[in-house]
Amino acid sequence: MTLAEKQVQLTAQLSALKNGQDRLALLVEESKKIPSLPPESRMDENLIPGCLAKLWFVAEVREKKCFFACDSDSLVVKAIAGLLCEFYSGHEPVEILAHDPKFLVPLGITQHLTPNRRNALGKVWERIQQFAEGGR
C-alpha cells in the first residue's frame, strides 16, 4: 500500500469520528497496542530532545525500506508519535520524503495537543525525514 493509499484509509477512519478529541482518544487507545521498545532501545541517544515526556525513537532500514518505532512515558505522546511511525514504516525513503504529514491538520488532532506535544510531533517528523534522507 502506498502512502497516498494509507492517507486515504487513515483519513476515512479518523473522519468517521465526530471531532478531534474523539480522534485523539482513538489514537491513544490504539497506542496501548504498540509494543514497548526493549530496554536497550530506551537509551539517551534515542531520546527526542525538547519534549516534556520522554520520547524514544528508533529507525532502521530493511530491504531498502525504512521502519520506525517509538515509545514514551506519555500515552498521548506515544499515540501521536506512533501514528507517524506506523504510517511511514515500510516505505522507501523517496516516498517518505515526498509525503508530508500535513494531511493530519484538517483532522483536528493537533488542535487538541499542547504546544509541547505538537512540538514532539514535529520532532518525530524531522527524525523520520533525516533518516529517510540518509537512506536515499
Protein backbone atom coordinates (compact mmCIF):
# COMPACT_ATOMS: atom_id res chain seq x y z
CA MET A 1 0.00 0.00 0.00
CA THR A 2 1.38 3.42 -0.94
CA LEU A 3 1.47 6.35 1.47
CA ALA A 4 -1.26 8.04 -0.59
CA GLU A 5 -3.45 4.96 -0.13
CA LYS A 6 -2.61 4.85 3.59
CA GLN A 7 -3.54 8.52 3.86
CA VAL A 8 -6.96 7.89 2.29
CA GLN A 9 -7.56 4.95 4.63
CA LEU A 10 -6.40 6.80 7.76
CA THR A 11 -8.33 9.93 6.86
CA ALA A 12 -11.51 7.90 6.32
CA GLN A 13 -11.04 6.05 9.61
CA LEU A 14 -10.46 9.23 11.62
CA SER A 15 -13.07 11.31 9.78
CA ALA A 16 -15.72 8.78 10.80
CA LEU A 17 -15.35 10.10 14.35
CA LYS A 18 -17.19 13.31 15.10
CA ASN A 19 -14.38 15.52 16.39
CA GLY A 20 -10.67 15.90 17.01
CA GLN A 21 -10.92 14.88 20.66
CA ASP A 22 -12.58 11.59 19.71
CA ARG A 23 -9.90 11.03 17.06
CA LEU A 24 -7.13 11.66 19.56
CA ALA A 25 -8.84 9.32 22.04
CA LEU A 26 -8.88 6.59 19.39
CA LEU A 27 -5.17 7.11 18.74
CA VAL A 28 -4.44 6.87 22.46
CA GLU A 29 -6.39 3.59 22.64
CA GLU A 30 -4.50 2.27 19.62
CA SER A 31 -1.18 3.30 21.18
CA LYS A 32 -1.80 0.89 24.03
CA LYS A 33 -1.37 -1.92 21.46
CA ILE A 34 2.04 -0.64 20.33
CA PRO A 35 4.73 -2.82 21.89
CA SER A 36 7.12 -1.05 24.21
CA LEU A 37 10.66 -0.63 22.98
CA PRO A 38 13.10 -3.07 24.54
CA PRO A 39 15.20 -1.64 27.39
CA GLU A 40 18.31 -1.48 25.20
CA SER A 41 16.48 0.93 22.86
CA ARG A 42 15.32 3.17 25.68
CA MET A 43 18.66 4.93 25.95
CA ASP A 44 19.54 8.61 25.98
CA GLU A 45 20.81 8.62 22.40
CA ASN A 46 17.32 7.59 21.21
CA LEU A 47 15.53 10.28 23.22
CA ILE A 48 13.99 13.11 21.25
CA PRO A 49 15.07 16.34 22.94
CA GLY A 50 12.68 19.17 23.69
CA CYS A 51 9.78 17.04 24.89
CA LEU A 52 8.49 17.17 28.45
CA ALA A 53 7.60 13.50 28.21
CA LYS A 54 10.33 11.02 27.48
CA LEU A 55 10.06 10.01 23.84
CA TRP A 56 12.36 7.39 22.38
CA PHE A 57 12.64 6.95 18.62
CA VAL A 58 14.47 4.26 16.66
CA ALA A 59 14.78 3.73 12.93
CA GLU A 60 16.22 1.06 10.69
CA VAL A 61 16.40 0.07 7.04
CA ARG A 62 15.42 -3.40 5.91
CA GLU A 63 15.36 -4.33 2.24
CA LYS A 64 15.65 -0.66 1.20
CA LYS A 65 12.59 0.31 3.27
CA CYS A 66 12.53 2.43 6.41
CA PHE A 67 10.99 1.20 9.65
CA PHE A 68 10.32 3.35 12.68
CA ALA A 69 9.37 2.64 16.28
CA CYS A 70 8.83 4.81 19.31
CA ASP A 71 7.93 4.68 22.95
CA SER A 72 7.04 7.28 25.54
CA ASP A 73 6.14 7.60 29.17
CA SER A 74 3.07 9.56 27.99
CA LEU A 75 0.25 7.74 26.20
CA VAL A 76 -0.71 10.86 24.22
CA VAL A 77 2.87 11.40 23.03
CA LYS A 78 3.20 7.69 22.22
CA ALA A 79 -0.08 7.91 20.29
CA ILE A 80 0.91 10.80 18.06
CA ALA A 81 4.49 9.63 17.57
CA GLY A 82 3.26 6.08 16.99
CA LEU A 83 0.85 7.31 14.35
CA LEU A 84 3.74 8.75 12.34
CA CYS A 85 5.97 5.73 12.92
CA GLU A 86 3.26 3.34 11.80
CA PHE A 87 2.26 5.50 8.85
CA TYR A 88 5.77 5.81 7.39
CA SER A 89 7.14 2.37 8.27
CA GLY A 90 7.67 0.00 5.39
CA HIS A 91 8.21 2.67 2.75
CA GLU A 92 11.21 3.70 0.72
CA PRO A 93 12.95 6.98 1.57
CA VAL A 94 11.94 8.75 -1.64
CA GLU A 95 8.25 8.08 -0.98
CA ILE A 96 8.54 9.21 2.65
CA LEU A 97 10.23 12.47 1.69
CA ALA A 98 7.53 13.19 -0.90
CA HIS A 99 4.67 12.74 1.59
CA ASP A 100 4.38 15.37 4.31
CA PRO A 101 2.11 14.62 7.31
CA LYS A 102 0.24 17.94 6.94
CA PHE A 103 -2.86 15.96 5.96
CA LEU A 104 -3.36 15.37 9.71
CA VAL A 105 -4.03 19.05 10.44
CA PRO A 106 -7.59 19.18 9.00
CA LEU A 107 -8.46 16.10 11.04
CA GLY A 108 -8.26 18.25 14.16
CA ILE A 109 -5.87 16.01 16.06
CA THR A 110 -3.13 18.59 16.52
CA GLN A 111 -5.59 21.25 17.75
CA HIS A 112 -6.13 19.28 20.95
CA LEU A 113 -2.44 18.94 21.70
CA THR A 114 -0.47 21.19 23.97
CA PRO A 115 2.26 23.19 22.20
CA ASN A 116 4.85 20.82 23.67
CA ARG A 117 3.08 17.76 22.25
CA ARG A 118 2.74 19.45 18.84
CA ASN A 119 6.47 20.10 19.10
CA ALA A 120 7.04 16.37 19.75
CA LEU A 121 5.05 15.52 16.64
CA GLY A 122 7.18 17.91 14.61
CA LYS A 123 10.39 16.48 16.02
CA VAL A 124 9.36 12.91 15.16
CA TRP A 125 8.65 14.02 11.58
CA GLU A 126 12.08 15.72 11.49
CA ARG A 127 13.75 12.49 12.62
CA ILE A 128 11.82 10.45 10.04
CA GLN A 129 12.86 12.92 7.32
CA GLN A 130 16.50 12.93 8.43
CA PHE A 131 16.61 9.14 8.46
CA ALA A 132 14.95 8.91 5.04
CA GLU A 133 17.36 11.50 3.61
CA GLY A 134 20.27 9.41 4.85
CA GLY A 135 18.75 6.28 3.31
CA ARG A 136 18.36 7.65 -0.21
